[in-house]
Amino acid sequence: MLENEPRKAGRIKCINVLEDDSKNTDWITRAFNRKYYKVEGKIHEQIVKTDGEPADTFLSAVVIKHVGYALNDDEKKKKALRNIKLLKKRLAELEKNFDSDITQNNEKEIPYIYYQLGKSYYMEKDYNNACDFFSKGLSFDLEPKLEYVIDMVETYGYAMLNCGKVQEALSYTSIYDVFGNSADFKFLMGLIYMKNAMFDEAVNEFQKAAEYKESRVEGTNSYLAYYNIGVIYECLGNIGKAQEYYKKCNGYSKAVERLKNGRHGNLTKCRKTGV
């Protein structure tokens, strides 16, 4: 794998299986030459150059399946608490040395630690704390193309929706030009508009998401987008249109259930529904 790119680190495709059998995909840096790269960090380690600079990477053909997130609520809570303890210890070490002469690498690691703390609280369903740490991480001047930065932005958006900060989440319109070129971000924007009763804008974003061939989270470019469009049309009383989109969901269980029940929603319920 590294023969053609000996001075670069290879990113492998990791398919994460979640507790409800849904899937999301990450590209993670795992193949590297120890002459040029090293492992940095005590938890959620990163591959960096031996001088501490970010890795130069390429996409490999390697695909793995990861089931470490397929946990029940108790298991997730235990894992999250363990991670939070280790991450806070590391953060304290970094912040203690922040004013020393070796701050360059520390300054790069601190926002990543904030990101991982946010993810850990999110796993524990403590969405307010998740928002706090994501906000701290994003307060740094970060490269928007980095995989973890993209994930931090998107997970922060979901955390805001999950703790009722739906109007605050509308601020994501200001970063649309930077992060909006993916099915996952457009799907998230659809949810943000949906939760704010901006239904025309929501349908538009879900339709845009469904135009992408690939997505990081399974379904955001297909059946989940179509399902939410169906929910909106159902809530607005356009049952024909709703059924049209439910039928596009390729057997998605929630869409099948709505087709069977033929229920009529209301606008308040519409803001609370969706996936």
Protein backbone atom coordinates (compact mmCIF):
# COMPACT_ATOMS: atom_id res chain seq x y z
CA MET A 1 0.00 0.00 0.00
CA LEU A 2 2.80 2.42 0.92
CA GLU A 3 5.15 1.47 -1.91
CA ASN A 4 3.86 4.22 -4.20
CA GLU A 5 3.39 6.79 -1.41
CA PRO A 6 6.16 6.05 1.14
CA ARG A 7 6.14 9.57 2.62
CA LYS A 8 2.37 9.73 2.97
CA ALA A 9 0.00 8.08 5.44
CA GLY A 10 -2.83 5.92 4.14
CA ARG A 11 -6.44 6.58 5.13
CA ILE A 12 -8.69 3.55 5.34
CA LYS A 13 -12.47 3.43 5.06
CA CYS A 14 -14.04 2.52 8.40
CA ILE A 15 -17.71 1.49 8.39
CA ASN A 16 -19.08 1.99 11.90
CA VAL A 17 -22.02 -0.21 12.89
CA LEU A 18 -24.26 1.51 15.45
CA GLU A 19 -26.58 0.08 18.09
CA ASP A 20 -29.66 0.25 15.83
CA ASP A 21 -27.76 -1.47 12.98
CA SER A 22 -27.47 1.82 11.10
CA LYS A 23 -24.04 2.73 9.74
CA ASN A 24 -21.80 5.69 9.21
CA THR A 25 -18.47 5.94 7.46
CA ASP A 26 -15.19 7.55 8.50
CA TRP A 27 -11.88 7.81 6.68
CA ILE A 28 -9.19 7.29 9.32
CA THR A 29 -5.42 7.51 9.00
CA ARG A 30 -3.90 4.17 9.98
CA ALA A 31 -1.19 3.06 7.49
CA PHE A 32 2.13 4.86 7.83
CA ASN A 33 5.92 4.54 7.68
CA ARG A 34 7.52 4.94 11.11
CA LYS A 35 10.45 6.77 9.54
CA TYR A 36 8.17 9.71 8.79
CA TYR A 37 5.20 9.40 11.16
CA LYS A 38 4.39 8.74 14.78
CA VAL A 39 1.34 8.16 16.97
CA GLU A 40 0.43 11.13 19.18
CA GLY A 41 -2.02 11.35 22.08
CA LYS A 42 -3.04 9.11 24.98
CA ILE A 43 -6.62 8.51 23.82
CA HIS A 44 -8.14 8.71 20.34
CA GLU A 45 -4.57 8.89 19.05
CA GLN A 46 -3.69 10.71 15.84
CA ILE A 47 -1.04 9.97 13.23
CA VAL A 48 1.26 12.95 12.73
CA LYS A 49 4.63 13.56 11.10
CA THR A 50 7.66 12.98 13.29
CA ASP A 51 8.04 16.77 13.58
CA GLY A 52 4.45 17.01 14.87
CA GLU A 53 2.99 18.50 11.70
CA PRO A 54 -0.30 17.11 10.27
CA ALA A 55 0.04 14.02 8.09
CA ASP A 56 0.05 14.13 4.30
CA THR A 57 -2.48 11.46 3.38
CA PHE A 58 -3.93 9.46 0.52
CA LEU A 59 -7.07 7.33 0.24
CA SER A 60 -6.34 3.62 0.26
CA ALA A 61 -8.52 0.75 -0.96
CA VAL A 62 -8.69 -0.80 2.54
CA VAL A 63 -12.18 -1.11 4.08
CA ILE A 64 -12.82 -2.30 7.64
CA LYS A 65 -15.94 -2.85 9.73
CA HIS A 66 -16.00 -1.40 13.25
CA VAL A 67 -18.56 -2.55 15.84
CA GLY A 68 -17.18 -0.65 18.84
CA TYR A 69 -20.14 1.77 18.78
CA ALA A 70 -22.79 -0.97 18.73
CA LEU A 71 -23.34 -0.70 22.49
CA ASN A 72 -26.39 -0.60 24.73
CA ASP A 73 -27.04 2.51 26.86
CA ASP A 74 -25.17 1.21 29.92
CA GLU A 75 -22.13 0.20 27.87
CA LYS A 76 -22.09 3.56 26.09
CA LYS A 77 -22.29 5.42 29.38
CA LYS A 78 -19.38 3.45 30.88
CA LYS A 79 -17.26 3.99 27.77
CA ALA A 80 -18.11 7.70 27.66
CA LEU A 81 -17.26 8.24 31.35
CA ARG A 82 -13.96 6.40 30.92
CA ASN A 83 -13.07 8.53 27.89
CA ILE A 84 -14.10 11.77 29.59
CA LYS A 85 -11.84 11.05 32.57
CA LEU A 86 -8.82 10.35 30.35
CA LEU A 87 -9.52 13.29 28.04
CA LYS A 88 -9.89 15.77 30.90
CA LYS A 89 -6.61 14.57 32.39
CA ARG A 90 -4.88 15.11 29.05
CA LEU A 91 -6.55 18.51 28.62
CA ALA A 92 -5.26 19.61 32.04
CA GLU A 93 -1.72 18.60 31.01
CA LEU A 94 -1.97 20.58 27.78
CA GLU A 95 -3.47 23.67 29.40
CA LYS A 96 -0.78 23.63 32.10
CA ASN A 97 1.92 23.83 29.43
CA PHE A 98 0.01 26.18 27.14
CA ASP A 99 2.19 29.19 27.97
CA SER A 100 5.48 27.31 27.65
CA ASP A 101 7.83 27.24 24.69
CA ILE A 102 6.29 24.07 23.25
CA THR A 103 2.78 25.42 22.63
CA GLN A 104 2.57 24.83 18.86
CA ASN A 105 1.71 21.14 19.05
CA ASN A 106 -0.33 21.66 22.22
CA GLU A 107 -2.42 24.30 20.50
CA LYS A 108 -3.21 21.80 17.73
CA GLU A 109 -4.14 19.04 20.16
CA ILE A 110 -6.36 21.11 22.47
CA PRO A 111 -9.22 21.63 19.98
CA TYR A 112 -9.06 17.92 19.11
CA ILE A 113 -9.41 17.05 22.81
CA TYR A 114 -12.40 19.41 23.03
CA TYR A 115 -13.89 17.60 20.01
CA GLN A 116 -13.44 14.19 21.63
CA LEU A 117 -14.92 15.44 24.90
CA GLY A 118 -17.91 16.72 22.96
CA LYS A 119 -18.28 13.35 21.24
CA SER A 120 -18.06 11.53 24.57
CA TYR A 121 -20.76 13.68 26.15
CA TYR A 122 -22.85 13.24 23.01
CA MET A 123 -22.51 9.46 23.34
CA GLU A 124 -23.74 9.81 26.93
CA LYS A 125 -26.68 11.91 25.63
CA ASP A 126 -25.50 14.89 27.70
CA TYR A 127 -26.12 17.28 24.84
CA ASN A 128 -25.62 20.51 26.76
CA ASN A 129 -22.09 19.56 27.79
CA ALA A 130 -21.47 18.29 24.27
CA CYS A 131 -22.44 21.71 22.90
CA ASP A 132 -20.12 23.45 25.36
CA PHE A 133 -17.07 21.43 24.30
CA PHE A 134 -17.85 21.57 20.59
CA SER A 135 -18.17 25.34 20.91
CA LYS A 136 -14.78 25.54 22.62
CA GLY A 137 -13.19 23.36 19.96
CA LEU A 138 -14.59 25.45 17.13
CA SER A 139 -13.39 28.68 18.74
CA PHE A 140 -9.90 27.82 17.44
CA ASP A 141 -8.69 28.71 13.96
CA LEU A 142 -9.07 25.26 12.37
CA GLU A 143 -8.64 23.86 8.89
CA PRO A 144 -12.22 23.23 7.69
CA LYS A 145 -11.18 20.32 5.45
CA LEU A 146 -9.95 18.21 8.38
CA GLU A 147 -12.12 15.15 8.94
CA TYR A 148 -12.55 15.76 12.67
CA VAL A 149 -13.46 19.41 12.14
CA ILE A 150 -16.20 18.45 9.68
CA ASP A 151 -17.52 15.84 12.14
CA MET A 152 -17.35 18.32 15.02
CA VAL A 153 -19.41 20.87 13.09
CA GLU A 154 -22.06 18.32 12.13
CA THR A 155 -22.28 16.64 15.55
CA TYR A 156 -22.50 20.06 17.21
CA GLY A 157 -25.50 20.77 14.98
CA TYR A 158 -27.23 17.56 16.09
CA ALA A 159 -26.37 18.31 19.73
CA MET A 160 -28.05 21.72 19.46
CA LEU A 161 -31.18 20.14 18.00
CA ASN A 162 -31.21 17.43 20.68
CA CYS A 163 -31.10 19.94 23.55
CA GLY A 164 -33.67 22.31 22.08
CA LYS A 165 -31.35 25.02 20.73
CA VAL A 166 -33.16 24.99 17.40
CA GLN A 167 -33.01 28.74 16.76
CA GLU A 168 -29.32 28.84 17.67
CA ALA A 169 -28.75 26.07 15.12
CA LEU A 170 -29.96 28.43 12.37
CA SER A 171 -26.55 30.10 12.68
CA TYR A 172 -25.31 27.26 10.48
CA THR A 173 -26.58 29.20 7.47
CA SER A 174 -23.48 31.38 7.96
CA ILE A 175 -21.10 28.42 7.45
CA TYR A 176 -23.03 26.80 4.61
CA ASP A 177 -20.51 27.94 1.98
CA VAL A 178 -17.63 26.36 3.90
CA PHE A 179 -19.15 23.06 5.07
CA GLY A 180 -22.22 22.66 2.84
CA ASN A 181 -20.74 20.51 0.08
CA SER A 182 -21.91 17.13 1.41
CA ALA A 183 -25.11 15.15 1.75
CA ASP A 184 -24.60 15.00 5.52
CA PHE A 185 -24.44 18.77 6.02
CA LYS A 186 -27.37 19.42 3.68
CA PHE A 187 -29.42 16.78 5.52
CA LEU A 188 -28.54 18.45 8.83
CA MET A 189 -29.61 21.82 7.43
CA GLY A 190 -32.88 20.20 6.37
CA LEU A 191 -33.45 19.09 9.97
CA ILE A 192 -32.56 22.53 11.31
CA TYR A 193 -35.07 24.19 9.00
CA MET A 194 -37.66 21.50 9.78
CA LYS A 195 -37.31 22.04 13.54
CA ASN A 196 -37.78 25.79 12.95
CA ALA A 197 -40.97 25.24 10.89
CA MET A 198 -39.24 26.50 7.72
CA PHE A 199 -40.69 23.67 5.69
CA ASP A 200 -40.00 24.89 2.14
CA GLU A 201 -36.34 25.39 3.00
CA ALA A 202 -36.22 21.98 4.70
CA VAL A 203 -37.63 20.15 1.68
CA ASN A 204 -35.14 21.96 -0.55
CA GLU A 205 -32.17 20.83 1.59
CA PHE A 206 -33.38 17.21 1.83
CA GLN A 207 -33.78 17.11 -1.95
CA LYS A 208 -30.25 18.45 -2.39
CA ALA A 209 -28.92 15.80 0.03
CA ALA A 210 -30.62 13.04 -2.00
CA GLU A 211 -28.69 14.12 -5.12
CA TYR A 212 -25.36 12.95 -3.68
CA LYS A 213 -24.05 9.49 -4.53
CA GLU A 214 -22.31 9.08 -1.17
CA SER A 215 -22.85 10.13 2.43
CA ARG A 216 -21.00 9.56 5.68
CA VAL A 217 -24.16 8.61 7.59
CA GLU A 218 -26.17 5.89 5.90
CA GLY A 219 -29.43 7.16 4.43
CA THR A 220 -28.86 10.91 4.58
CA ASN A 221 -28.51 10.92 0.79
CA SER A 222 -31.49 8.62 0.21
CA TYR A 223 -34.23 7.10 2.35
CA LEU A 224 -33.81 9.36 5.43
CA ALA A 225 -34.01 12.48 3.26
CA TYR A 226 -37.06 11.15 1.41
CA TYR A 227 -38.70 10.12 4.68
CA ASN A 228 -38.41 13.59 6.15
CA ILE A 229 -39.81 15.17 3.00
CA GLY A 230 -42.73 12.76 3.31
CA VAL A 231 -43.26 13.72 6.95
CA ILE A 232 -43.35 17.41 6.03
CA TYR A 233 -45.88 16.90 3.24
CA GLU A 234 -48.00 14.71 5.53
CA CYS A 235 -47.98 17.34 8.24
CA LEU A 236 -49.00 19.96 5.68
CA GLY A 237 -51.90 17.79 4.59
CA ASN A 238 -50.52 16.84 1.16
CA ILE A 239 -50.99 13.09 1.63
CA GLY A 240 -50.42 12.23 -2.04
CA LYS A 241 -47.01 13.88 -2.04
CA ALA A 242 -46.19 12.33 1.32
CA GLN A 243 -46.95 8.84 0.04
CA GLU A 244 -44.88 9.50 -3.08
CA TYR A 245 -41.80 10.18 -0.94
CA TYR A 246 -42.46 7.37 1.53
CA LYS A 247 -42.48 4.96 -1.42
CA LYS A 248 -39.00 6.21 -2.37
CA CYS A 249 -37.62 5.09 1.00
CA ASN A 250 -36.83 1.56 -0.22
CA GLY A 251 -38.64 -0.26 2.58
CA TYR A 252 -37.44 1.97 5.44
CA SER A 253 -39.51 0.77 8.41
CA LYS A 254 -40.80 4.18 9.54
CA ALA A 255 -41.95 5.02 6.02
CA VAL A 256 -43.67 1.64 5.67
CA GLU A 257 -45.46 2.27 8.97
CA ARG A 258 -46.71 5.67 7.84
CA LEU A 259 -47.93 4.23 4.54
CA LYS A 260 -49.89 1.58 6.45
CA ASN A 261 -51.40 3.98 8.98
CA GLY A 262 -52.06 6.85 6.60
CA ARG A 263 -51.94 9.20 9.55
CA HIS A 264 -52.41 12.95 9.24
CA GLY A 265 -50.01 15.08 11.22
CA ASN A 266 -49.98 18.68 12.35
CA LEU A 267 -47.37 21.42 12.15
CA THR A 268 -46.29 21.12 15.79
CA LYS A 269 -45.79 17.38 15.43
CA CYS A 270 -43.94 17.98 12.17
CA ARG A 271 -41.26 20.01 13.97
CA LYS A 272 -40.81 17.20 16.50
CA THR A 273 -40.76 14.37 13.97
CA GLY A 274 -38.04 13.51 11.51
CA VAL A 275 -34.77 11.64 11.79
